[in-house]
Protein backbone atom coordinates (compact mmCIF):
# COMPACT_ATOMS: atom_id res chain seq x y z
CA UNK A 1 0.50 -0.19 -0.19
CA UNK A 2 3.12 2.59 0.89
CA UNK A 3 5.07 1.41 -1.96
CA UNK A 4 1.63 1.90 -4.58
CA UNK A 5 1.16 6.03 -2.68
CA UNK A 6 4.43 6.25 -3.00
CA UNK A 7 4.76 4.89 -6.24
CA UNK A 8 2.11 6.62 -6.95
CA UNK A 9 3.35 10.08 -5.62
CA UNK A 10 6.64 9.92 -7.78
CA UNK A 11 4.92 9.58 -10.87
CA UNK A 12 2.23 13.04 -10.11
CA UNK A 13 6.16 15.53 -8.70
CA UNK A 14 7.97 13.33 -11.36
CA UNK A 15 5.94 14.22 -14.05
CA UNK A 16 4.95 17.65 -12.90
CA UNK A 17 9.04 18.48 -13.32
CA UNK A 18 10.12 16.26 -16.52
CA UNK A 19 9.81 18.88 -19.14
CA UNK A 20 10.65 21.90 -16.21
CA UNK A 21 13.94 22.98 -17.72
CA UNK A 22 13.57 26.92 -17.75
CA UNK A 23 15.19 29.51 -15.39
CA UNK A 24 12.69 30.65 -12.24
CA UNK A 25 12.23 34.06 -13.89
CA UNK A 26 10.34 32.54 -16.54
CA UNK A 27 8.55 30.38 -14.76
CA UNK A 28 4.74 30.62 -15.16
CA UNK A 29 2.71 32.70 -12.10
CA UNK A 30 0.89 29.39 -10.24
CA UNK A 31 3.86 26.38 -11.63
CA UNK A 32 7.16 27.33 -8.42
CA UNK A 33 8.60 24.51 -6.41
CA UNK A 34 6.37 25.00 -3.81
CA UNK A 35 2.69 24.83 -6.13
CA UNK A 36 3.95 21.45 -7.04
CA UNK A 37 4.33 19.81 -3.78
CA UNK A 38 1.32 21.59 -2.29
CA UNK A 39 -0.58 19.84 -5.76
CA UNK A 40 0.59 17.10 -4.95
CA UNK A 41 0.43 16.40 -2.07
CA UNK A 42 -3.47 16.88 -1.89
CA UNK A 43 -3.72 14.50 -4.90
CA UNK A 44 -1.40 12.05 -2.97
CA UNK A 45 -3.80 12.43 0.58
CA UNK A 46 -7.10 12.34 -2.06
CA UNK A 47 -5.31 8.86 -2.80
CA UNK A 48 -4.94 7.33 0.11
CA UNK A 49 -7.92 8.48 1.35
CA UNK A 50 -9.88 7.12 -2.70
CA UNK A 51 -8.21 3.97 -2.26
CA UNK A 52 -8.48 3.19 1.83
CA UNK A 53 -12.78 3.33 0.86
CA UNK A 54 -12.10 0.85 -2.25
CA UNK A 55 -10.62 -2.11 -0.34
CA UNK A 56 -10.82 -4.19 -3.77
CA UNK A 57 -8.80 -0.65 -5.92
CA UNK A 58 -6.85 -0.99 -3.50
CA UNK A 59 -5.84 -4.66 -2.50
CA UNK A 60 -5.23 -4.68 -6.66
CA UNK A 61 -3.00 -2.11 -6.26
CA UNK A 62 -1.00 -3.65 -4.03
CA UNK A 63 -0.77 -7.08 -4.90
CA UNK A 64 1.35 -5.32 -8.59
CA UNK A 65 4.62 -5.50 -6.25
CA UNK A 66 6.82 -7.19 -6.76
CA UNK A 67 6.01 -6.44 -10.63
CA UNK A 68 8.51 -5.15 -13.20
CA UNK A 69 7.35 -1.71 -13.70
CA UNK A 70 6.34 -2.97 -17.50
CA UNK A 71 3.91 -5.50 -16.19
CA UNK A 72 2.59 -2.72 -13.47
CA UNK A 73 1.66 -0.44 -15.83
CA UNK A 74 0.36 -3.36 -18.34
CA UNK A 75 -1.76 -5.31 -15.95
CA UNK A 76 -3.16 -1.30 -13.92
CA UNK A 77 -4.11 -0.49 -18.07
CA UNK A 78 -6.13 -3.85 -18.61
CA UNK A 79 -7.09 -3.53 -14.62
CA UNK A 80 -8.30 0.42 -15.48
CA UNK A 81 -9.83 -0.31 -18.85
CA UNK A 82 -12.29 -3.70 -17.43
CA UNK A 83 -13.86 -1.21 -14.55
CA UNK A 84 -14.33 2.15 -16.26
CA UNK A 85 -15.97 3.70 -13.27
CA UNK A 86 -12.56 3.49 -11.21
CA UNK A 87 -10.70 4.78 -14.24
CA UNK A 88 -13.03 7.51 -14.45
CA UNK A 89 -12.73 8.19 -10.26
CA UNK A 90 -8.62 7.78 -10.49
CA UNK A 91 -9.21 10.54 -12.95
CA UNK A 92 -11.36 13.23 -10.83
CA UNK A 93 -8.62 13.07 -7.90
CA UNK A 94 -5.55 13.44 -10.00
CA UNK A 95 -6.62 16.47 -11.78
CA UNK A 96 -5.55 19.27 -10.49
CA UNK A 97 -1.95 18.12 -11.36
CA UNK A 98 -3.38 17.18 -14.87
CA UNK A 99 -4.16 20.77 -14.54
CA UNK A 100 -1.19 21.97 -13.45
CA UNK A 101 0.87 20.38 -16.50
CA UNK A 102 -1.46 21.82 -18.59
CA UNK A 103 -0.76 24.71 -17.29
CA UNK A 104 3.44 25.19 -15.69
CA UNK A 105 4.29 23.71 -19.83
CA UNK A 106 4.63 19.68 -17.68
CA UNK A 107 4.84 16.67 -19.98
CA UNK A 108 3.23 14.13 -17.82
CA UNK A 109 5.71 11.08 -16.79
CA UNK A 110 6.18 8.29 -19.91
CA UNK A 111 5.35 5.69 -16.97
CA UNK A 112 1.49 7.13 -15.82
CA UNK A 113 -0.74 4.43 -17.07
CA UNK A 114 -4.09 6.79 -17.41
CA UNK A 115 -1.90 8.85 -19.89
CA UNK A 116 -2.83 6.64 -22.55
């Protein structure tokens, strides 16, 4: 469970910074490190609450431990394709980070199973 939350959190923060090669003077408003950390913290807290209130999803993600990243991604994509309501709920939880990426010009990480 903790590993899954860390993995989700790291994907969020790493993705926000993957395209952030601009000088600090060129950073758009509300795109600072503090802004990214605040949004990531909120999304991570909401993800945790979602997983605790959806034990089936929590168990599925927890059971991915030990799989390779490629296997985790493939299995998570298949699970979300088979469970569109869950996918929609997780996308809604993650929407603030998606909005921040769009506003600040940060690319989504390649490892994000919800971007394809």
